[in-house]
Amino acid sequence: MTEIHIKRIYEPYEQEDGYRILVDRLWPRGISKNEAKLEMWAKELAPSDQLRKWFGHKPELFDAFRNKYLEELQNDFVKSQQVEKLCSIASGNIVTLLYAAKDPFHNNACVLKEELLRKIKALSK
């Protein structure tokens, strides 16, 4: 069974995290590569700079951000290839998507998790 979790990278590593993937374009401040305990840094999956700057982590813009980011994930060739790769990694495994934003409900990892689960479900039909 596929399990996809999201977690702030500043939270402590846990063995239950499984395959840990940083999904931000920028490396988080104050975290060493050793401390991060990553299997993968998928910076190509992060929202475009233009979209990230427009959103600015303002909760009132999240619904529009979500729609625009989903469009990027589905229509940008590099992003869609990375989504496919993550789907194959996540199938039957535990994956934790790591992000640096302070808001646990309004960030790119939430949207990416939604897209991965949708894609995995569609592929399993």
PDB file of N, CA and C in Angstrom:
ATOM      1  N   MET A   1       0.837  -1.196   0.000  1.00  0.00           N
ATOM      2  CA  MET A   1       0.000   0.000   0.000  1.00  0.00           C
ATOM      3  C   MET A   1       0.876   1.251   0.000  1.00  0.00           C
ATOM      4  N   THR A   2       0.465   2.217  -0.765  1.00  0.00           N
ATOM      5  CA  THR A   2       1.191   3.475  -0.881  1.00  0.00           C
ATOM      6  C   THR A   2       0.828   4.396   0.281  1.00  0.00           C
ATOM      7  N   GLU A   3       1.847   4.971   0.892  1.00  0.00           N
ATOM      8  CA  GLU A   3       1.649   5.975   1.944  1.00  0.00           C
ATOM      9  C   GLU A   3       2.498   7.182   1.596  1.00  0.00           C
ATOM     10  N   ILE A   4       1.851   8.336   1.479  1.00  0.00           N
ATOM     11  CA  ILE A   4       2.576   9.576   1.219  1.00  0.00           C
ATOM     12  C   ILE A   4       2.274  10.537   2.365  1.00  0.00           C
ATOM     13  N   HIS A   5       3.320  10.952   3.041  1.00  0.00           N
ATOM     14  CA  HIS A   5       3.196  11.893   4.150  1.00  0.00           C
ATOM     15  C   HIS A   5       3.866  13.198   3.746  1.00  0.00           C
ATOM     16  N   ILE A   6       3.480  14.264   4.418  1.00  0.00           N
ATOM     17  CA  ILE A   6       4.206  15.518   4.264  1.00  0.00           C
ATOM     18  C   ILE A   6       4.702  15.928   5.645  1.00  0.00           C
ATOM     19  N   LYS A   7       5.854  16.590   5.644  1.00  0.00           N
ATOM     20  CA  LYS A   7       6.485  16.927   6.915  1.00  0.00           C
ATOM     21  C   LYS A   7       7.406  18.117   6.703  1.00  0.00           C
ATOM     22  N   ARG A   8       7.428  18.978   7.672  1.00  0.00           N
ATOM     23  CA  ARG A   8       8.354  20.111   7.623  1.00  0.00           C
ATOM     24  C   ARG A   8       9.768  19.586   7.843  1.00  0.00           C
ATOM     25  N   ILE A   9      10.695  20.021   7.028  1.00  0.00           N
ATOM     26  CA  ILE A   9      12.059  19.500   7.093  1.00  0.00           C
ATOM     27  C   ILE A   9      12.727  19.793   8.436  1.00  0.00           C
ATOM     28  N   TYR A  10      12.222  20.775   9.155  1.00  0.00           N
ATOM     29  CA  TYR A  10      12.799  21.126  10.453  1.00  0.00           C
ATOM     30  C   TYR A  10      12.346  20.181  11.567  1.00  0.00           C
ATOM     31  N   GLU A  11      11.369  19.330  11.282  1.00  0.00           N
ATOM     32  CA  GLU A  11      10.955  18.315  12.250  1.00  0.00           C
ATOM     33  C   GLU A  11      11.995  17.196  12.257  1.00  0.00           C
ATOM     34  N   PRO A  12      12.174  16.529  13.393  1.00  0.00           N
ATOM     35  CA  PRO A  12      13.207  15.491  13.472  1.00  0.00           C
ATOM     36  C   PRO A  12      12.946  14.315  12.527  1.00  0.00           C
ATOM     37  N   TYR A  13      14.039  13.730  12.051  1.00  0.00           N
ATOM     38  CA  TYR A  13      13.981  12.517  11.238  1.00  0.00           C
ATOM     39  C   TYR A  13      13.387  11.381  12.066  1.00  0.00           C
ATOM     40  N   GLU A  14      12.547  10.581  11.425  1.00  0.00           N
ATOM     41  CA  GLU A  14      12.019   9.373  12.048  1.00  0.00           C
ATOM     42  C   GLU A  14      12.148   8.240  11.038  1.00  0.00           C
ATOM     43  N   GLN A  15      12.469   7.071  11.512  1.00  0.00           N
ATOM     44  CA  GLN A  15      12.633   5.929  10.620  1.00  0.00           C
ATOM     45  C   GLN A  15      11.341   5.658   9.837  1.00  0.00           C
ATOM     46  N   GLU A  16      10.193   5.986  10.435  1.00  0.00           N
ATOM     47  CA  GLU A  16       8.898   5.773   9.789  1.00  0.00           C
ATOM     48  C   GLU A  16       8.668   6.708   8.602  1.00  0.00           C
ATOM     49  N   ASP A  17       9.566   7.689   8.400  1.00  0.00           N
ATOM     50  CA  ASP A  17       9.435   8.600   7.267  1.00  0.00           C
ATOM     51  C   ASP A  17       9.586   7.862   5.939  1.00  0.00           C
ATOM     52  N   GLY A  18      10.291   6.760   5.950  1.00  0.00           N
ATOM     53  CA  GLY A  18      10.510   6.035   4.706  1.00  0.00           C
ATOM     54  C   GLY A  18      11.433   6.811   3.773  1.00  0.00           C
ATOM     55  N   TYR A  19      11.067   6.883   2.516  1.00  0.00           N
ATOM     56  CA  TYR A  19      11.847   7.538   1.469  1.00  0.00           C
ATOM     57  C   TYR A  19      11.608   9.038   1.566  1.00  0.00           C
ATOM     58  N   ARG A  20      12.614   9.801   1.975  1.00  0.00           N
ATOM     59  CA  ARG A  20      12.470  11.242   2.234  1.00  0.00           C
ATOM     60  C   ARG A  20      12.883  12.060   1.014  1.00  0.00           C
ATOM     61  N   ILE A  21      11.956  12.949   0.574  1.00  0.00           N
ATOM     62  CA  ILE A  21      12.186  13.750  -0.623  1.00  0.00           C
ATOM     63  C   ILE A  21      11.928  15.222  -0.305  1.00  0.00           C
ATOM     64  N   LEU A  22      12.944  16.049  -0.479  1.00  0.00           N
ATOM     65  CA  LEU A  22      12.764  17.491  -0.351  1.00  0.00           C
ATOM     66  C   LEU A  22      12.158  18.003  -1.646  1.00  0.00           C
ATOM     67  N   VAL A  23      11.045  18.740  -1.544  1.00  0.00           N
ATOM     68  CA  VAL A  23      10.332  19.187  -2.744  1.00  0.00           C
ATOM     69  C   VAL A  23      10.342  20.710  -2.910  1.00  0.00           C
ATOM     70  N   ASP A  24      11.296  21.378  -2.295  1.00  0.00           N
ATOM     71  CA  ASP A  24      11.476  22.825  -2.448  1.00  0.00           C
ATOM     72  C   ASP A  24      12.623  23.100  -3.408  1.00  0.00           C
ATOM     73  N   ARG A  25      12.535  24.212  -4.113  1.00  0.00           N
ATOM     74  CA  ARG A  25      13.591  24.602  -5.048  1.00  0.00           C
ATOM     75  C   ARG A  25      14.839  25.073  -4.306  1.00  0.00           C
ATOM     76  N   LEU A  26      14.634  25.751  -3.177  1.00  0.00           N
ATOM     77  CA  LEU A  26      15.752  26.304  -2.406  1.00  0.00           C
ATOM     78  C   LEU A  26      16.071  25.402  -1.216  1.00  0.00           C
ATOM     79  N   TRP A  27      17.354  25.292  -0.921  1.00  0.00           N
ATOM     80  CA  TRP A  27      17.757  24.494   0.243  1.00  0.00           C
ATOM     81  C   TRP A  27      17.337  25.237   1.515  1.00  0.00           C
ATOM     82  N   PRO A  28      16.745  24.541   2.485  1.00  0.00           N
ATOM     83  CA  PRO A  28      16.276  25.199   3.711  1.00  0.00           C
ATOM     84  C   PRO A  28      17.419  25.693   4.590  1.00  0.00           C
ATOM     85  N   ARG A  29      17.260  26.871   5.120  1.00  0.00           N
ATOM     86  CA  ARG A  29      18.280  27.474   5.980  1.00  0.00           C
ATOM     87  C   ARG A  29      18.467  26.664   7.256  1.00  0.00           C
ATOM     88  N   GLY A  30      19.720  26.557   7.659  1.00  0.00           N
ATOM     89  CA  GLY A  30      20.022  25.949   8.947  1.00  0.00           C
ATOM     90  C   GLY A  30      19.979  24.440   8.981  1.00  0.00           C
ATOM     91  N   ILE A  31      19.782  23.788   7.855  1.00  0.00           N
ATOM     92  CA  ILE A  31      19.739  22.322   7.799  1.00  0.00           C
ATOM     93  C   ILE A  31      20.934  21.832   6.991  1.00  0.00           C
ATOM     94  N   SER A  32      21.720  20.943   7.588  1.00  0.00           N
ATOM     95  CA  SER A  32      22.847  20.375   6.846  1.00  0.00           C
ATOM     96  C   SER A  32      22.337  19.203   6.002  1.00  0.00           C
ATOM     97  N   LYS A  33      23.076  18.867   4.981  1.00  0.00           N
ATOM     98  CA  LYS A  33      22.683  17.735   4.128  1.00  0.00           C
ATOM     99  C   LYS A  33      22.646  16.438   4.936  1.00  0.00           C
ATOM    100  N   ASN A  34      23.567  16.292   5.870  1.00  0.00           N
ATOM    101  CA  ASN A  34      23.596  15.103   6.717  1.00  0.00           C
ATOM    102  C   ASN A  34      22.356  15.052   7.620  1.00  0.00           C
ATOM    103  N   GLU A  35      22.013  16.188   8.183  1.00  0.00           N
ATOM    104  CA  GLU A  35      20.867  16.291   9.087  1.00  0.00           C
ATOM    105  C   GLU A  35      19.546  16.026   8.349  1.00  0.00           C
ATOM    106  N   ALA A  36      19.476  16.398   7.081  1.00  0.00           N
ATOM    107  CA  ALA A  36      18.249  16.254   6.299  1.00  0.00           C
ATOM    108  C   ALA A  36      17.900  14.788   6.033  1.00  0.00           C
ATOM    109  N   LYS A  37      18.895  13.939   5.941  1.00  0.00           N
ATOM    110  CA  LYS A  37      18.694  12.499   5.689  1.00  0.00           C
ATOM    111  C   LYS A  37      17.760  12.250   4.493  1.00  0.00           C
ATOM    112  N   LEU A  38      18.122  12.851   3.366  1.00  0.00           N
ATOM    113  CA  LEU A  38      17.308  12.747   2.163  1.00  0.00           C
ATOM    114  C   LEU A  38      17.715  11.566   1.299  1.00  0.00           C
ATOM    115  N   GLU A  39      16.731  11.012   0.628  1.00  0.00           N
ATOM    116  CA  GLU A  39      16.985  10.069  -0.453  1.00  0.00           C
ATOM    117  C   GLU A  39      17.024  10.825  -1.773  1.00  0.00           C
ATOM    118  N   MET A  40      16.332  11.983  -1.804  1.00  0.00           N
ATOM    119  CA  MET A  40      16.202  12.704  -3.070  1.00  0.00           C
ATOM    120  C   MET A  40      15.867  14.170  -2.797  1.00  0.00           C
ATOM    121  N   TRP A  41      16.425  15.053  -3.626  1.00  0.00           N
ATOM    122  CA  TRP A  41      16.025  16.462  -3.626  1.00  0.00           C
ATOM    123  C   TRP A  41      15.407  16.723  -4.992  1.00  0.00           C
ATOM    124  N   ALA A  42      14.090  16.811  -5.029  1.00  0.00           N
ATOM    125  CA  ALA A  42      13.354  16.979  -6.285  1.00  0.00           C
ATOM    126  C   ALA A  42      13.014  18.448  -6.502  1.00  0.00           C
ATOM    127  N   LYS A  43      14.045  19.269  -6.646  1.00  0.00           N
ATOM    128  CA  LYS A  43      13.807  20.712  -6.789  1.00  0.00           C
ATOM    129  C   LYS A  43      13.092  21.052  -8.088  1.00  0.00           C
ATOM    130  N   GLU A  44      13.167  20.163  -9.087  1.00  0.00           N
ATOM    131  CA  GLU A  44      12.465  20.397 -10.356  1.00  0.00           C
ATOM    132  C   GLU A  44      10.952  20.376 -10.166  1.00  0.00           C
ATOM    133  N   LEU A  45      10.486  19.744  -9.086  1.00  0.00           N
ATOM    134  CA  LEU A  45       9.057  19.642  -8.823  1.00  0.00           C
ATOM    135  C   LEU A  45       8.497  20.853  -8.097  1.00  0.00           C
ATOM    136  N   ALA A  46       9.344  21.715  -7.635  1.00  0.00           N
ATOM    137  CA  ALA A  46       8.883  22.909  -6.925  1.00  0.00           C
ATOM    138  C   ALA A  46       8.116  23.823  -7.880  1.00  0.00           C
ATOM    139  N   PRO A  47       7.229  24.643  -7.346  1.00  0.00           N
ATOM    140  CA  PRO A  47       6.532  25.612  -8.210  1.00  0.00           C
ATOM    141  C   PRO A  47       7.541  26.529  -8.895  1.00  0.00           C
ATOM    142  N   SER A  48       7.162  27.025 -10.051  1.00  0.00           N
ATOM    143  CA  SER A  48       8.023  27.965 -10.765  1.00  0.00           C
ATOM    144  C   SER A  48       8.307  29.164  -9.855  1.00  0.00           C
ATOM    145  N   ASP A  49       9.431  29.836 -10.096  1.00  0.00           N
ATOM    146  CA  ASP A  49       9.765  31.021  -9.300  1.00  0.00           C
ATOM    147  C   ASP A  49       8.652  32.055  -9.370  1.00  0.00           C
ATOM    148  N   GLN A  50       8.103  32.246 -10.551  1.00  0.00           N
ATOM    149  CA  GLN A  50       7.037  33.231 -10.731  1.00  0.00           C
ATOM    150  C   GLN A  50       5.825  32.871  -9.859  1.00  0.00           C
ATOM    151  N   LEU A  51       5.416  31.617  -9.868  1.00  0.00           N
ATOM    152  CA  LEU A  51       4.264  31.187  -9.077  1.00  0.00           C
ATOM    153  C   LEU A  51       4.569  31.260  -7.582  1.00  0.00           C
ATOM    154  N   ARG A  52       5.751  30.829  -7.199  1.00  0.00           N
ATOM    155  CA  ARG A  52       6.149  30.854  -5.785  1.00  0.00           C
ATOM    156  C   ARG A  52       6.136  32.283  -5.242  1.00  0.00           C
ATOM    157  N   LYS A  53       6.698  33.213  -6.010  1.00  0.00           N
ATOM    158  CA  LYS A  53       6.744  34.609  -5.570  1.00  0.00           C
ATOM    159  C   LYS A  53       5.345  35.220  -5.541  1.00  0.00           C
ATOM    160  N   TRP A  54       4.514  34.892  -6.516  1.00  0.00           N
ATOM    161  CA  TRP A  54       3.146  35.406  -6.548  1.00  0.00           C
ATOM    162  C   TRP A  54       2.370  34.933  -5.316  1.00  0.00           C
ATOM    163  N   PHE A  55       2.484  33.649  -4.986  1.00  0.00           N
ATOM    164  CA  PHE A  55       1.763  33.069  -3.856  1.00  0.00           C
ATOM    165  C   PHE A  55       2.229  33.677  -2.532  1.00  0.00           C
ATOM    166  N   GLY A  56       3.522  33.752  -2.324  1.00  0.00           N
ATOM    167  CA  GLY A  56       4.065  34.354  -1.114  1.00  0.00           C
ATOM    168  C   GLY A  56       3.554  33.741   0.177  1.00  0.00           C
ATOM    169  N   HIS A  57       3.076  32.515   0.132  1.00  0.00           N
ATOM    170  CA  HIS A  57       2.552  31.786   1.302  1.00  0.00           C
ATOM    171  C   HIS A  57       1.393  32.520   1.974  1.00  0.00           C
ATOM    172  N   LYS A  58       0.572  33.194   1.157  1.00  0.00           N
ATOM    173  CA  LYS A  58      -0.614  33.876   1.677  1.00  0.00           C
ATOM    174  C   LYS A  58      -1.789  32.901   1.598  1.00  0.00           C
ATOM    175  N   PRO A  59      -2.319  32.473   2.747  1.00  0.00           N
ATOM    176  CA  PRO A  59      -3.403  31.477   2.742  1.00  0.00           C
ATOM    177  C   PRO A  59      -4.589  31.850   1.861  1.00  0.00           C
ATOM    178  N   GLU A  60      -4.892  33.141   1.750  1.00  0.00           N
ATOM    179  CA  GLU A  60      -6.034  33.558   0.940  1.00  0.00           C
ATOM    180  C   GLU A  60      -5.812  33.319  -0.552  1.00  0.00           C
ATOM    181  N   LEU A  61      -4.571  33.113  -0.967  1.00  0.00           N
ATOM    182  CA  LEU A  61      -4.254  32.833  -2.377  1.00  0.00           C
ATOM    183  C   LEU A  61      -4.072  31.330  -2.642  1.00  0.00           C
ATOM    184  N   PHE A  62      -4.224  30.518  -1.599  1.00  0.00           N
ATOM    185  CA  PHE A  62      -3.879  29.102  -1.742  1.00  0.00           C
ATOM    186  C   PHE A  62      -4.717  28.374  -2.800  1.00  0.00           C
ATOM    187  N   ASP A  63      -6.011  28.612  -2.856  1.00  0.00           N
ATOM    188  CA  ASP A  63      -6.837  27.894  -3.842  1.00  0.00           C
ATOM    189  C   ASP A  63      -6.379  28.188  -5.270  1.00  0.00           C
ATOM    190  N   ALA A  64      -6.090  29.448  -5.551  1.00  0.00           N
ATOM    191  CA  ALA A  64      -5.593  29.813  -6.885  1.00  0.00           C
ATOM    192  C   ALA A  64      -4.195  29.237  -7.102  1.00  0.00           C
ATOM    193  N   PHE A  65      -3.349  29.288  -6.073  1.00  0.00           N
ATOM    194  CA  PHE A  65      -2.011  28.695  -6.161  1.00  0.00           C
ATOM    195  C   PHE A  65      -2.118  27.202  -6.467  1.00  0.00           C
ATOM    196  N   ARG A  66      -2.984  26.514  -5.742  1.00  0.00           N
ATOM    197  CA  ARG A  66      -3.174  25.071  -5.937  1.00  0.00           C
ATOM    198  C   ARG A  66      -3.509  24.765  -7.393  1.00  0.00           C
ATOM    199  N   ASN A  67      -4.472  25.501  -7.960  1.00  0.00           N
ATOM    200  CA  ASN A  67      -4.872  25.260  -9.345  1.00  0.00           C
ATOM    201  C   ASN A  67      -3.729  25.524 -10.322  1.00  0.00           C
ATOM    202  N   LYS A  68      -3.012  26.605 -10.115  1.00  0.00           N
ATOM    203  CA  LYS A  68      -1.899  26.950 -11.011  1.00  0.00           C
ATOM    204  C   LYS A  68      -0.749  25.945 -10.874  1.00  0.00           C
ATOM    205  N   TYR A  69      -0.485  25.500  -9.660  1.00  0.00           N
ATOM    206  CA  TYR A  69       0.601  24.540  -9.448  1.00  0.00           C
ATOM    207  C   TYR A  69       0.230  23.169 -10.026  1.00  0.00           C
ATOM    208  N   LEU A  70      -1.012  22.745  -9.850  1.00  0.00           N
ATOM    209  CA  LEU A  70      -1.456  21.493 -10.464  1.00  0.00           C
ATOM    210  C   LEU A  70      -1.304  21.559 -11.986  1.00  0.00           C
ATOM    211  N   GLU A  71      -1.629  22.708 -12.555  1.00  0.00           N
ATOM    212  CA  GLU A  71      -1.455  22.898 -14.001  1.00  0.00           C
ATOM    213  C   GLU A  71       0.015  22.739 -14.392  1.00  0.00           C
ATOM    214  N   GLU A  72       0.918  23.330 -13.598  1.00  0.00           N
ATOM    215  CA  GLU A  72       2.356  23.163 -13.867  1.00  0.00           C
ATOM    216  C   GLU A  72       2.762  21.699 -13.776  1.00  0.00           C
ATOM    217  N   LEU A  73       2.305  21.014 -12.739  1.00  0.00           N
ATOM    218  CA  LEU A  73       2.694  19.609 -12.547  1.00  0.00           C
ATOM    219  C   LEU A  73       2.213  18.728 -13.696  1.00  0.00           C
ATOM    220  N   GLN A  74       1.066  19.058 -14.250  1.00  0.00           N
ATOM    221  CA  GLN A  74       0.491  18.232 -15.306  1.00  0.00           C
ATOM    222  C   GLN A  74       0.957  18.615 -16.707  1.00  0.00           C
ATOM    223  N   ASN A  75       1.334  19.886 -16.909  1.00  0.00           N
ATOM    224  CA  ASN A  75       1.634  20.353 -18.261  1.00  0.00           C
ATOM    225  C   ASN A  75       3.094  20.664 -18.541  1.00  0.00           C
ATOM    226  N   ASP A  76       3.894  20.875 -17.526  1.00  0.00           N
ATOM    227  CA  ASP A  76       5.321  21.114 -17.718  1.00  0.00           C
ATOM    228  C   ASP A  76       6.005  19.751 -17.891  1.00  0.00           C
ATOM    229  N   PHE A  77       6.743  19.576 -18.990  1.00  0.00           N
ATOM    230  CA  PHE A  77       7.325  18.268 -19.306  1.00  0.00           C
ATOM    231  C   PHE A  77       8.237  17.754 -18.192  1.00  0.00           C
ATOM    232  N   VAL A  78       9.146  18.574 -17.696  1.00  0.00           N
ATOM    233  CA  VAL A  78      10.090  18.136 -16.664  1.00  0.00           C
ATOM    234  C   VAL A  78       9.349  17.772 -15.381  1.00  0.00           C
ATOM    235  N   LYS A  79       8.407  18.607 -14.981  1.00  0.00           N
ATOM    236  CA  LYS A  79       7.643  18.333 -13.763  1.00  0.00           C
ATOM    237  C   LYS A  79       6.819  17.055 -13.914  1.00  0.00           C
ATOM    238  N   SER A  80       6.173  16.885 -15.058  1.00  0.00           N
ATOM    239  CA  SER A  80       5.343  15.686 -15.242  1.00  0.00           C
ATOM    240  C   SER A  80       6.194  14.414 -15.254  1.00  0.00           C
ATOM    241  N   GLN A  81       7.418  14.496 -15.794  1.00  0.00           N
ATOM    242  CA  GLN A  81       8.334  13.344 -15.758  1.00  0.00           C
ATOM    243  C   GLN A  81       8.728  13.021 -14.314  1.00  0.00           C
ATOM    244  N   GLN A  82       8.986  14.052 -13.522  1.00  0.00           N
ATOM    245  CA  GLN A  82       9.336  13.849 -12.112  1.00  0.00           C
ATOM    246  C   GLN A  82       8.154  13.277 -11.324  1.00  0.00           C
ATOM    247  N   VAL A  83       6.952  13.727 -11.638  1.00  0.00           N
ATOM    248  CA  VAL A  83       5.765  13.166 -10.987  1.00  0.00           C
ATOM    249  C   VAL A  83       5.673  11.669 -11.279  1.00  0.00           C
ATOM    250  N   GLU A  84       5.903  11.294 -12.536  1.00  0.00           N
ATOM    251  CA  GLU A  84       5.896   9.869 -12.908  1.00  0.00           C
ATOM    252  C   GLU A  84       6.935   9.090 -12.101  1.00  0.00           C
ATOM    253  N   LYS A  85       8.127   9.658 -11.984  1.00  0.00           N
ATOM    254  CA  LYS A  85       9.201   9.010 -11.230  1.00  0.00           C
ATOM    255  C   LYS A  85       8.796   8.822  -9.773  1.00  0.00           C
ATOM    256  N   LEU A  86       8.226   9.861  -9.168  1.00  0.00           N
ATOM    257  CA  LEU A  86       7.800   9.759  -7.773  1.00  0.00           C
ATOM    258  C   LEU A  86       6.664   8.766  -7.599  1.00  0.00           C
ATOM    259  N   CYS A  87       5.783   8.684  -8.568  1.00  0.00           N
ATOM    260  CA  CYS A  87       4.699   7.699  -8.502  1.00  0.00           C
ATOM    261  C   CYS A  87       5.260   6.285  -8.447  1.00  0.00           C
ATOM    262  N   SER A  88       6.278   6.015  -9.245  1.00  0.00           N
ATOM    263  CA  SER A  88       6.861   4.674  -9.226  1.00  0.00           C
ATOM    264  C   SER A  88       7.598   4.411  -7.915  1.00  0.00           C
ATOM    265  N   ILE A  89       8.242   5.429  -7.356  1.00  0.00           N
ATOM    266  CA  ILE A  89       8.910   5.282  -6.060  1.00  0.00           C
ATOM    267  C   ILE A  89       7.872   5.051  -4.962  1.00  0.00           C
ATOM    268  N   ALA A  90       6.772   5.801  -5.013  1.00  0.00           N
ATOM    269  CA  ALA A  90       5.760   5.751  -3.951  1.00  0.00           C
ATOM    270  C   ALA A  90       4.908   4.486  -3.992  1.00  0.00           C
ATOM    271  N   SER A  91       4.768   3.871  -5.158  1.00  0.00           N
ATOM    272  CA  SER A  91       3.911   2.698  -5.274  1.00  0.00           C
ATOM    273  C   SER A  91       4.394   1.595  -4.344  1.00  0.00           C
ATOM    274  N   GLY A  92       3.566   1.321  -3.345  1.00  0.00           N
ATOM    275  CA  GLY A  92       3.874   0.261  -2.397  1.00  0.00           C
ATOM    276  C   GLY A  92       4.877   0.643  -1.329  1.00  0.00           C
ATOM    277  N   ASN A  93       5.250   1.901  -1.237  1.00  0.00           N
ATOM    278  CA  ASN A  93       6.249   2.330  -0.252  1.00  0.00           C
ATOM    279  C   ASN A  93       5.725   3.481   0.594  1.00  0.00           C
ATOM    280  N   ILE A  94       6.472   3.792   1.628  1.00  0.00           N
ATOM    281  CA  ILE A  94       6.211   4.976   2.435  1.00  0.00           C
ATOM    282  C   ILE A  94       7.134   6.078   1.934  1.00  0.00           C
ATOM    283  N   VAL A  95       6.538   7.220   1.592  1.00  0.00           N
ATOM    284  CA  VAL A  95       7.290   8.371   1.100  1.00  0.00           C
ATOM    285  C   VAL A  95       6.898   9.574   1.942  1.00  0.00           C
ATOM    286  N   THR A  96       7.883  10.386   2.301  1.00  0.00           N
ATOM    287  CA  THR A  96       7.613  11.636   3.009  1.00  0.00           C
ATOM    288  C   THR A  96       8.130  12.788   2.166  1.00  0.00           C
ATOM    289  N   LEU A  97       7.215  13.691   1.812  1.00  0.00           N
ATOM    290  CA  LEU A  97       7.559  14.898   1.073  1.00  0.00           C
ATOM    291  C   LEU A  97       7.916  15.977   2.096  1.00  0.00           C
ATOM    292  N   LEU A  98       9.104  16.510   1.989  1.00  0.00           N
ATOM    293  CA  LEU A  98       9.598  17.500   2.943  1.00  0.00           C
ATOM    294  C   LEU A  98       9.549  18.897   2.344  1.00  0.00           C
ATOM    295  N   TYR A  99       9.152  19.860   3.162  1.00  0.00           N
ATOM    296  CA  TYR A  99       9.045  21.253   2.743  1.00  0.00           C
ATOM    297  C   TYR A  99       9.557  22.129   3.880  1.00  0.00           C
ATOM    298  N   ALA A 100       9.846  23.389   3.589  1.00  0.00           N
ATOM    299  CA  ALA A 100      10.377  24.299   4.600  1.00  0.00           C
ATOM    300  C   ALA A 100       9.361  25.332   5.085  1.00  0.00           C
ATOM    301  N   ALA A 101       8.277  25.533   4.365  1.00  0.00           N
ATOM    302  CA  ALA A 101       7.295  26.565   4.731  1.00  0.00           C
ATOM    303  C   ALA A 101       6.776  26.353   6.155  1.00  0.00           C
ATOM    304  N   LYS A 102       6.374  27.439   6.784  1.00  0.00           N
ATOM    305  CA  LYS A 102       5.877  27.354   8.161  1.00  0.00           C
ATOM    306  C   LYS A 102       4.442  26.833   8.246  1.00  0.00           C
ATOM    307  N   ASP A 103       3.657  27.074   7.210  1.00  0.00           N
ATOM    308  CA  ASP A 103       2.246  26.697   7.216  1.00  0.00           C
ATOM    309  C   ASP A 103       2.088  25.245   6.755  1.00  0.00           C
ATOM    310  N   PRO A 104       1.580  24.368   7.627  1.00  0.00           N
ATOM    311  CA  PRO A 104       1.462  22.946   7.250  1.00  0.00           C
ATOM    312  C   PRO A 104       0.296  22.633   6.314  1.00  0.00           C
ATOM    313  N   PHE A 105      -0.583  23.616   6.065  1.00  0.00           N
ATOM    314  CA  PHE A 105      -1.768  23.366   5.253  1.00  0.00           C
ATOM    315  C   PHE A 105      -1.767  24.089   3.907  1.00  0.00           C
ATOM    316  N   HIS A 106      -0.924  25.101   3.776  1.00  0.00           N
ATOM    317  CA  HIS A 106      -0.901  25.916   2.556  1.00  0.00           C
ATOM    318  C   HIS A 106       0.506  25.950   1.985  1.00  0.00           C
ATOM    319  N   ASN A 107       0.922  24.841   1.383  1.00  0.00           N
ATOM    320  CA  ASN A 107       2.267  24.763   0.814  1.00  0.00           C
ATOM    321  C   ASN A 107       2.266  23.818  -0.387  1.00  0.00           C
ATOM    322  N   ASN A 108       3.358  23.851  -1.136  1.00  0.00           N
ATOM    323  CA  ASN A 108       3.445  23.045  -2.359  1.00  0.00           C
ATOM    324  C   ASN A 108       3.436  21.547  -2.103  1.00  0.00           C
ATOM    325  N   ALA A 109       3.944  21.100  -0.956  1.00  0.00           N
ATOM    326  CA  ALA A 109       3.967  19.663  -0.661  1.00  0.00           C
ATOM    327  C   ALA A 109       2.552  19.101  -0.552  1.00  0.00           C
ATOM    328  N   CYS A 110       1.629  19.876  -0.010  1.00  0.00           N
ATOM    329  CA  CYS A 110       0.226  19.439   0.081  1.00  0.00           C
ATOM    330  C   CYS A 110      -0.354  19.198  -1.311  1.00  0.00           C
ATOM    331  N   VAL A 111      -0.085  20.119  -2.207  1.00  0.00           N
ATOM    332  CA  VAL A 111      -0.603  20.017  -3.577  1.00  0.00           C
ATOM    333  C   VAL A 111       0.069  18.856  -4.315  1.00  0.00           C
ATOM    334  N   LEU A 112       1.366  18.716  -4.134  1.00  0.00           N
ATOM    335  CA  LEU A 112       2.098  17.630  -4.785  1.00  0.00           C
ATOM    336  C   LEU A 112       1.597  16.274  -4.290  1.00  0.00           C
ATOM    337  N   LYS A 113       1.357  16.150  -3.013  1.00  0.00           N
ATOM    338  CA  LYS A 113       0.816  14.896  -2.465  1.00  0.00           C
ATOM    339  C   LYS A 113      -0.518  14.570  -3.130  1.00  0.00           C
ATOM    340  N   GLU A 114      -1.376  15.571  -3.241  1.00  0.00           N
ATOM    341  CA  GLU A 114      -2.676  15.388  -3.889  1.00  0.00           C
ATOM    342  C   GLU A 114      -2.505  14.871  -5.320  1.00  0.00           C
ATOM    343  N   GLU A 115      -1.591  15.472  -6.065  1.00  0.00           N
ATOM    344  CA  GLU A 115      -1.367  15.069  -7.457  1.00  0.00           C
ATOM    345  C   GLU A 115      -0.787  13.657  -7.545  1.00  0.00           C
ATOM    346  N   LEU A 116       0.150  13.332  -6.671  1.00  0.00           N
ATOM    347  CA  LEU A 116       0.741  11.989  -6.682  1.00  0.00           C
ATOM    348  C   LEU A 116      -0.322  10.933  -6.385  1.00  0.00           C
ATOM    349  N   LEU A 117      -1.153  11.169  -5.385  1.00  0.00           N
ATOM    350  CA  LEU A 117      -2.203  10.197  -5.049  1.00  0.00           C
ATOM    351  C   LEU A 117      -3.210  10.053  -6.188  1.00  0.00           C
ATOM    352  N   ARG A 118      -3.540  11.160  -6.828  1.00  0.00           N
ATOM    353  CA  ARG A 118      -4.467  11.106  -7.974  1.00  0.00           C
ATOM    354  C   ARG A 118      -3.879  10.280  -9.108  1.00  0.00           C
ATOM    355  N   LYS A 119      -2.614  10.541  -9.383  1.00  0.00           N
ATOM    356  CA  LYS A 119      -1.934   9.852 -10.486  1.00  0.00           C
ATOM    357  C   LYS A 119      -1.770   8.355 -10.193  1.00  0.00           C
ATOM    358  N   ILE A 120      -1.386   8.026  -8.969  1.00  0.00           N
ATOM    359  CA  ILE A 120      -1.215   6.618  -8.589  1.00  0.00           C
ATOM    360  C   ILE A 120      -2.557   5.879  -8.691  1.00  0.00           C
ATOM    361  N   LYS A 121      -3.623   6.529  -8.241  1.00  0.00           N
ATOM    362  CA  LYS A 121      -4.952   5.923  -8.329  1.00  0.00           C
ATOM    363  C   LYS A 121      -5.332   5.680  -9.789  1.00  0.00           C
ATOM    364  N   ALA A 122      -5.074   6.666 -10.654  1.00  0.00           N
ATOM    365  CA  ALA A 122      -5.406   6.530 -12.081  1.00  0.00           C
ATOM    366  C   ALA A 122      -4.576   5.412 -12.727  1.00  0.00           C
ATOM    367  N   LEU A 123      -3.313   5.285 -12.343  1.00  0.00           N
ATOM    368  CA  LEU A 123      -2.449   4.258 -12.918  1.00  0.00           C
ATOM    369  C   LEU A 123      -2.844   2.844 -12.464  1.00  0.00           C
ATOM    370  N   SER A 124      -3.454   2.746 -11.288  1.00  0.00           N
ATOM    371  CA  SER A 124      -3.799   1.436 -10.752  1.00  0.00           C
ATOM    372  C   SER A 124      -5.102   0.891 -11.298  1.00  0.00           C
ATOM    373  N   LYS A 125      -5.810   1.687 -12.103  1.00  0.00           N
ATOM    374  CA  LYS A 125      -7.101   1.236 -12.673  1.00  0.00           C
ATOM    375  C   LYS A 125      -6.879   0.361 -13.881  1.00  0.00           C
TER     376      LYS A 125
END
